[in-house]
């Protein structure tokens, strides 16, 4: 038996293929990238300003809630083992790790044991 019920992996599409997951959330097209703001570009989801910019983007909170419901649906199936959620943005430094942290909070609040990994958070900014 695993030590966790859900594993969340944040990543950046510009750093390679998405991780294998039951559910993959692509944040690139529908949610504004903090990278476009010069004052946020070199920050990460570890910075309060980035987290605030992402979580206050219209639709993000609804997507967190919908993803938490999808995780619950996966967990209600007959198979055992953790549900893996991968969420990605362009570079993996802003939107994806913030989304992962808020999803983890929602799932933990619901009583699930969650492990979060940020595959690309520490990688350098991708200049584009």
N, C-alpha and C. Protein backbone atom coordinates (compact mmCIF):
# COMPACT_ATOMS: atom_id res chain seq x y z
N UNK A 1 0.83 -1.18 0.00
CA UNK A 1 0.00 0.00 0.00
C UNK A 1 0.88 1.25 0.00
N UNK A 2 0.46 2.24 -0.72
CA UNK A 2 1.21 3.48 -0.86
C UNK A 2 1.02 4.38 0.37
N UNK A 3 1.97 5.27 0.57
CA UNK A 3 1.88 6.25 1.66
C UNK A 3 0.98 7.43 1.30
N UNK A 4 0.47 7.46 0.06
CA UNK A 4 -0.36 8.57 -0.37
C UNK A 4 -1.48 8.07 -1.27
N UNK A 5 -2.54 8.87 -1.34
CA UNK A 5 -3.70 8.55 -2.17
C UNK A 5 -3.62 9.19 -3.54
N UNK A 6 -2.99 10.36 -3.59
CA UNK A 6 -2.91 11.15 -4.82
C UNK A 6 -1.49 11.68 -4.96
N UNK A 7 -0.97 11.59 -6.17
CA UNK A 7 0.31 12.22 -6.48
C UNK A 7 0.06 13.30 -7.52
N UNK A 8 0.54 14.49 -7.25
CA UNK A 8 0.40 15.61 -8.18
C UNK A 8 1.80 15.98 -8.66
N UNK A 9 1.97 16.05 -9.98
CA UNK A 9 3.26 16.41 -10.56
C UNK A 9 3.05 17.64 -11.44
N UNK A 10 3.67 18.75 -11.05
CA UNK A 10 3.63 19.94 -11.91
C UNK A 10 4.83 19.86 -12.85
N UNK A 11 4.67 20.42 -14.05
CA UNK A 11 5.75 20.34 -15.04
C UNK A 11 5.59 21.46 -16.07
N UNK A 12 6.63 21.64 -16.87
CA UNK A 12 6.60 22.59 -17.98
C UNK A 12 6.73 21.85 -19.29
N UNK A 13 5.82 22.10 -20.21
CA UNK A 13 5.86 21.45 -21.53
C UNK A 13 7.14 21.78 -22.28
N UNK A 14 7.73 22.96 -22.04
CA UNK A 14 8.96 23.33 -22.74
C UNK A 14 10.18 22.55 -22.25
N UNK A 15 10.00 21.75 -21.19
CA UNK A 15 11.09 20.95 -20.65
C UNK A 15 10.92 19.47 -20.97
N UNK A 16 10.02 19.11 -21.85
CA UNK A 16 9.86 17.71 -22.24
C UNK A 16 8.44 17.21 -22.10
N UNK A 17 8.30 15.94 -22.34
CA UNK A 17 7.00 15.29 -22.34
C UNK A 17 6.34 15.35 -20.96
N UNK A 18 5.00 15.39 -20.95
CA UNK A 18 4.30 15.33 -19.67
C UNK A 18 4.55 14.00 -18.97
N UNK A 19 4.54 13.99 -17.66
CA UNK A 19 4.65 12.73 -16.94
C UNK A 19 3.43 11.85 -17.22
N UNK A 20 3.59 10.58 -17.06
CA UNK A 20 2.47 9.65 -17.20
C UNK A 20 1.51 9.89 -16.04
N UNK A 21 0.23 10.04 -16.36
CA UNK A 21 -0.75 10.37 -15.33
C UNK A 21 -2.12 9.84 -15.72
N UNK A 22 -2.98 9.70 -14.72
CA UNK A 22 -4.38 9.36 -14.97
C UNK A 22 -5.12 10.56 -15.54
N UNK A 23 -4.70 11.74 -15.11
CA UNK A 23 -5.37 12.98 -15.49
C UNK A 23 -4.29 14.03 -15.73
N UNK A 24 -4.29 14.63 -16.92
CA UNK A 24 -3.32 15.68 -17.25
C UNK A 24 -4.07 16.98 -17.52
N UNK A 25 -3.68 18.03 -16.83
CA UNK A 25 -4.30 19.34 -16.95
C UNK A 25 -3.31 20.26 -17.67
N UNK A 26 -3.73 20.81 -18.81
CA UNK A 26 -2.88 21.72 -19.60
C UNK A 26 -3.35 23.15 -19.34
N UNK A 27 -2.52 23.91 -18.66
CA UNK A 27 -2.87 25.28 -18.27
C UNK A 27 -2.40 26.33 -19.27
N UNK A 28 -1.79 25.92 -20.37
CA UNK A 28 -1.13 26.87 -21.27
C UNK A 28 -2.08 27.80 -22.01
N UNK A 29 -3.13 27.31 -22.57
CA UNK A 29 -3.95 28.09 -23.50
C UNK A 29 -5.00 28.97 -22.84
N UNK A 30 -5.54 28.56 -21.73
CA UNK A 30 -6.70 29.25 -21.17
C UNK A 30 -6.41 30.16 -19.99
N UNK A 31 -5.19 30.16 -19.51
CA UNK A 31 -4.88 30.93 -18.32
C UNK A 31 -3.63 31.77 -18.55
N UNK A 32 -3.73 33.04 -18.31
CA UNK A 32 -2.64 33.99 -18.57
C UNK A 32 -1.36 33.56 -17.85
N UNK A 33 -0.25 33.67 -18.56
CA UNK A 33 1.05 33.26 -18.06
C UNK A 33 1.72 34.41 -17.32
N UNK A 34 2.04 34.24 -16.03
CA UNK A 34 2.76 35.30 -15.31
C UNK A 34 4.11 35.63 -15.94
N UNK A 35 4.64 34.74 -16.75
CA UNK A 35 5.91 34.97 -17.44
C UNK A 35 5.87 36.25 -18.28
N UNK A 36 4.69 36.63 -18.76
CA UNK A 36 4.59 37.82 -19.61
C UNK A 36 4.74 39.11 -18.81
N UNK A 37 4.63 39.03 -17.51
CA UNK A 37 4.82 40.21 -16.65
C UNK A 37 6.29 40.26 -16.23
N UNK A 38 7.02 41.28 -16.66
CA UNK A 38 8.46 41.33 -16.33
C UNK A 38 8.74 41.21 -14.84
N UNK A 39 7.86 41.77 -13.99
CA UNK A 39 8.11 41.72 -12.55
C UNK A 39 7.93 40.31 -11.97
N UNK A 40 7.22 39.43 -12.68
CA UNK A 40 6.99 38.06 -12.20
C UNK A 40 7.84 37.02 -12.93
N UNK A 41 8.38 37.38 -14.07
CA UNK A 41 9.05 36.41 -14.94
C UNK A 41 10.10 35.56 -14.24
N UNK A 42 10.93 36.15 -13.43
CA UNK A 42 12.03 35.41 -12.81
C UNK A 42 11.68 34.90 -11.41
N UNK A 43 10.44 35.09 -11.01
CA UNK A 43 9.94 34.53 -9.76
C UNK A 43 9.38 33.13 -10.05
N UNK A 44 8.98 32.44 -9.00
CA UNK A 44 8.36 31.12 -9.15
C UNK A 44 7.13 31.06 -8.26
N UNK A 45 6.49 29.92 -8.27
CA UNK A 45 5.32 29.70 -7.42
C UNK A 45 5.68 29.72 -5.94
N UNK A 46 6.94 29.77 -5.63
CA UNK A 46 7.36 29.91 -4.24
C UNK A 46 7.21 31.36 -3.76
N UNK A 47 6.98 32.26 -4.70
CA UNK A 47 6.81 33.68 -4.38
C UNK A 47 5.32 34.02 -4.28
N UNK A 48 4.97 34.74 -3.22
CA UNK A 48 3.58 35.11 -2.96
C UNK A 48 2.93 35.83 -4.16
N UNK A 49 3.66 36.74 -4.78
CA UNK A 49 3.09 37.51 -5.91
C UNK A 49 2.67 36.60 -7.06
N UNK A 50 3.45 35.58 -7.32
CA UNK A 50 3.10 34.63 -8.39
C UNK A 50 1.87 33.83 -7.99
N UNK A 51 1.86 33.30 -6.78
CA UNK A 51 0.70 32.51 -6.34
C UNK A 51 -0.58 33.35 -6.41
N UNK A 52 -0.50 34.59 -5.96
CA UNK A 52 -1.67 35.48 -6.00
C UNK A 52 -2.13 35.73 -7.44
N UNK A 53 -1.18 35.98 -8.33
CA UNK A 53 -1.53 36.23 -9.73
C UNK A 53 -2.21 35.02 -10.35
N UNK A 54 -1.71 33.83 -10.06
CA UNK A 54 -2.29 32.62 -10.65
C UNK A 54 -3.65 32.31 -10.04
N UNK A 55 -3.73 32.25 -8.72
CA UNK A 55 -4.99 31.81 -8.10
C UNK A 55 -6.12 32.82 -8.31
N UNK A 56 -5.78 34.07 -8.60
CA UNK A 56 -6.82 35.07 -8.87
C UNK A 56 -7.16 35.19 -10.35
N UNK A 57 -6.59 34.33 -11.17
CA UNK A 57 -6.95 34.29 -12.59
C UNK A 57 -8.35 33.68 -12.70
N UNK A 58 -9.26 34.36 -13.42
CA UNK A 58 -10.61 33.80 -13.57
C UNK A 58 -10.57 32.36 -14.09
N UNK A 59 -11.31 31.50 -13.41
CA UNK A 59 -11.43 30.11 -13.82
C UNK A 59 -10.52 29.14 -13.08
N UNK A 60 -9.43 29.61 -12.52
CA UNK A 60 -8.47 28.70 -11.87
C UNK A 60 -9.09 28.00 -10.67
N UNK A 61 -9.77 28.72 -9.82
CA UNK A 61 -10.38 28.10 -8.64
C UNK A 61 -11.42 27.06 -9.05
N UNK A 62 -12.20 27.36 -10.10
CA UNK A 62 -13.18 26.39 -10.60
C UNK A 62 -12.49 25.15 -11.14
N UNK A 63 -11.35 25.34 -11.82
CA UNK A 63 -10.62 24.19 -12.36
C UNK A 63 -10.02 23.34 -11.24
N UNK A 64 -9.53 23.98 -10.18
CA UNK A 64 -9.04 23.23 -9.02
C UNK A 64 -10.17 22.37 -8.46
N UNK A 65 -11.33 22.96 -8.27
CA UNK A 65 -12.47 22.22 -7.71
C UNK A 65 -12.90 21.09 -8.64
N UNK A 66 -12.95 21.35 -9.93
CA UNK A 66 -13.35 20.31 -10.90
C UNK A 66 -12.33 19.18 -10.93
N UNK A 67 -11.06 19.52 -10.82
CA UNK A 67 -10.01 18.48 -10.82
C UNK A 67 -10.10 17.65 -9.55
N UNK A 68 -10.38 18.29 -8.43
CA UNK A 68 -10.56 17.54 -7.17
C UNK A 68 -11.73 16.56 -7.30
N UNK A 69 -12.81 16.98 -7.96
CA UNK A 69 -13.95 16.07 -8.18
C UNK A 69 -13.56 14.92 -9.10
N UNK A 70 -12.74 15.21 -10.12
CA UNK A 70 -12.29 14.15 -11.03
C UNK A 70 -11.41 13.14 -10.28
N UNK A 71 -10.56 13.62 -9.39
CA UNK A 71 -9.73 12.72 -8.59
C UNK A 71 -10.62 11.82 -7.74
N UNK A 72 -11.65 12.39 -7.14
CA UNK A 72 -12.59 11.60 -6.33
C UNK A 72 -13.25 10.52 -7.19
N UNK A 73 -13.61 10.87 -8.42
CA UNK A 73 -14.22 9.89 -9.33
C UNK A 73 -13.24 8.75 -9.64
N UNK A 74 -11.99 9.08 -9.92
CA UNK A 74 -10.98 8.05 -10.16
C UNK A 74 -10.83 7.15 -8.94
N UNK A 75 -10.79 7.78 -7.76
CA UNK A 75 -10.58 7.01 -6.52
C UNK A 75 -11.76 6.10 -6.21
N UNK A 76 -12.94 6.41 -6.72
CA UNK A 76 -14.11 5.58 -6.43
C UNK A 76 -14.17 4.33 -7.31
N UNK A 77 -13.28 4.23 -8.27
CA UNK A 77 -13.23 3.05 -9.13
C UNK A 77 -12.74 1.83 -8.37
N UNK A 78 -12.86 0.65 -8.99
CA UNK A 78 -12.51 -0.59 -8.30
C UNK A 78 -11.01 -0.85 -8.15
N UNK A 79 -10.18 -0.15 -8.89
CA UNK A 79 -8.74 -0.41 -8.84
C UNK A 79 -8.09 0.28 -7.66
N UNK A 80 -7.03 -0.30 -7.19
CA UNK A 80 -6.29 0.27 -6.06
C UNK A 80 -5.13 1.11 -6.57
N UNK A 81 -4.54 1.83 -5.66
CA UNK A 81 -3.35 2.60 -5.99
C UNK A 81 -3.64 4.08 -6.09
N UNK A 82 -2.59 4.87 -6.01
CA UNK A 82 -2.75 6.32 -6.04
C UNK A 82 -3.22 6.81 -7.41
N UNK A 83 -3.94 7.91 -7.40
CA UNK A 83 -4.31 8.61 -8.62
C UNK A 83 -3.20 9.63 -8.90
N UNK A 84 -2.73 9.65 -10.14
CA UNK A 84 -1.67 10.59 -10.51
C UNK A 84 -2.27 11.69 -11.37
N UNK A 85 -2.04 12.93 -10.94
CA UNK A 85 -2.48 14.11 -11.68
C UNK A 85 -1.23 14.86 -12.11
N UNK A 86 -1.11 15.15 -13.40
CA UNK A 86 -0.03 15.98 -13.91
C UNK A 86 -0.65 17.29 -14.37
N UNK A 87 -0.05 18.40 -13.98
CA UNK A 87 -0.55 19.68 -14.47
C UNK A 87 0.62 20.47 -15.01
N UNK A 88 0.44 20.98 -16.22
CA UNK A 88 1.54 21.63 -16.89
C UNK A 88 1.21 23.01 -17.42
N UNK A 89 2.25 23.81 -17.47
CA UNK A 89 2.19 25.12 -18.12
C UNK A 89 3.40 25.18 -19.04
N UNK A 90 3.74 26.34 -19.54
CA UNK A 90 4.85 26.43 -20.49
C UNK A 90 6.19 26.03 -19.84
N UNK A 91 6.58 26.74 -18.78
CA UNK A 91 7.90 26.50 -18.19
C UNK A 91 7.90 25.72 -16.89
N UNK A 92 6.74 25.54 -16.28
CA UNK A 92 6.66 24.77 -15.04
C UNK A 92 7.08 25.52 -13.80
N UNK A 93 7.11 26.86 -13.88
CA UNK A 93 7.58 27.65 -12.74
C UNK A 93 6.48 28.48 -12.09
N UNK A 94 5.39 28.76 -12.80
CA UNK A 94 4.37 29.68 -12.29
C UNK A 94 3.02 28.99 -12.11
N UNK A 95 2.29 28.82 -13.22
CA UNK A 95 0.92 28.31 -13.16
C UNK A 95 0.85 26.88 -12.64
N UNK A 96 1.64 25.97 -13.19
CA UNK A 96 1.53 24.56 -12.82
C UNK A 96 1.83 24.30 -11.35
N UNK A 97 2.93 24.80 -10.80
CA UNK A 97 3.17 24.52 -9.38
C UNK A 97 2.17 25.20 -8.45
N UNK A 98 1.67 26.37 -8.85
CA UNK A 98 0.64 27.02 -8.03
C UNK A 98 -0.64 26.19 -8.06
N UNK A 99 -1.05 25.78 -9.24
CA UNK A 99 -2.24 24.93 -9.37
C UNK A 99 -2.07 23.66 -8.54
N UNK A 100 -0.90 23.03 -8.63
CA UNK A 100 -0.63 21.80 -7.87
C UNK A 100 -0.78 22.03 -6.37
N UNK A 101 -0.27 23.14 -5.88
CA UNK A 101 -0.35 23.43 -4.45
C UNK A 101 -1.79 23.63 -4.00
N UNK A 102 -2.58 24.34 -4.78
CA UNK A 102 -3.98 24.57 -4.41
C UNK A 102 -4.81 23.30 -4.55
N UNK A 103 -4.50 22.47 -5.55
CA UNK A 103 -5.19 21.18 -5.68
C UNK A 103 -4.83 20.30 -4.48
N UNK A 104 -3.58 20.28 -4.10
CA UNK A 104 -3.15 19.49 -2.94
C UNK A 104 -3.88 19.94 -1.68
N UNK A 105 -4.03 21.24 -1.52
CA UNK A 105 -4.74 21.77 -0.35
C UNK A 105 -6.20 21.30 -0.36
N UNK A 106 -6.85 21.38 -1.52
CA UNK A 106 -8.26 20.94 -1.62
C UNK A 106 -8.39 19.46 -1.30
N UNK A 107 -7.47 18.66 -1.81
CA UNK A 107 -7.56 17.21 -1.60
C UNK A 107 -7.21 16.83 -0.16
N UNK A 108 -6.24 17.51 0.41
CA UNK A 108 -5.86 17.26 1.80
C UNK A 108 -7.01 17.64 2.73
N UNK A 109 -7.65 18.76 2.44
CA UNK A 109 -8.80 19.20 3.22
C UNK A 109 -9.92 18.17 3.15
N UNK A 110 -10.01 17.46 2.02
CA UNK A 110 -11.03 16.42 1.84
C UNK A 110 -10.62 15.09 2.49
N UNK A 111 -9.44 15.07 3.14
CA UNK A 111 -9.02 13.88 3.87
C UNK A 111 -8.10 12.94 3.12
N UNK A 112 -7.62 13.34 1.95
CA UNK A 112 -6.72 12.47 1.19
C UNK A 112 -5.27 12.77 1.53
N UNK A 113 -4.45 11.75 1.39
CA UNK A 113 -3.00 11.90 1.58
C UNK A 113 -2.41 12.22 0.21
N UNK A 114 -1.70 13.34 0.12
CA UNK A 114 -1.25 13.86 -1.16
C UNK A 114 0.27 14.05 -1.15
N UNK A 115 0.88 13.66 -2.26
CA UNK A 115 2.30 13.94 -2.47
C UNK A 115 2.41 14.85 -3.69
N UNK A 116 3.19 15.92 -3.58
CA UNK A 116 3.36 16.87 -4.67
C UNK A 116 4.82 16.90 -5.09
N UNK A 117 5.03 16.86 -6.40
CA UNK A 117 6.37 17.00 -6.98
C UNK A 117 6.32 18.11 -8.02
N UNK A 118 7.34 18.95 -8.03
CA UNK A 118 7.44 20.01 -9.02
C UNK A 118 8.65 19.70 -9.90
N UNK A 119 8.38 19.04 -11.02
CA UNK A 119 9.45 18.55 -11.88
C UNK A 119 10.37 19.65 -12.38
N UNK A 120 9.80 20.79 -12.77
CA UNK A 120 10.60 21.81 -13.46
C UNK A 120 10.69 23.15 -12.74
N UNK A 121 10.19 23.23 -11.54
CA UNK A 121 10.16 24.50 -10.79
C UNK A 121 11.54 25.13 -10.66
N UNK A 122 12.57 24.34 -10.43
CA UNK A 122 13.91 24.89 -10.19
C UNK A 122 14.71 25.11 -11.47
N UNK A 123 14.13 24.79 -12.62
CA UNK A 123 14.86 24.98 -13.88
C UNK A 123 14.88 26.46 -14.25
N UNK A 124 15.86 26.86 -15.04
CA UNK A 124 15.95 28.28 -15.42
C UNK A 124 14.75 28.72 -16.26
N UNK A 125 14.51 30.03 -16.25
CA UNK A 125 13.45 30.61 -17.06
C UNK A 125 13.74 30.30 -18.53
N UNK A 126 12.73 29.88 -19.24
CA UNK A 126 12.86 29.65 -20.67
C UNK A 126 12.59 30.99 -21.36
N UNK A 127 13.58 31.52 -22.02
CA UNK A 127 13.40 32.80 -22.73
C UNK A 127 12.66 32.52 -24.03
N UNK A 128 11.54 33.21 -24.22
CA UNK A 128 10.75 33.01 -25.43
C UNK A 128 10.18 34.30 -25.92
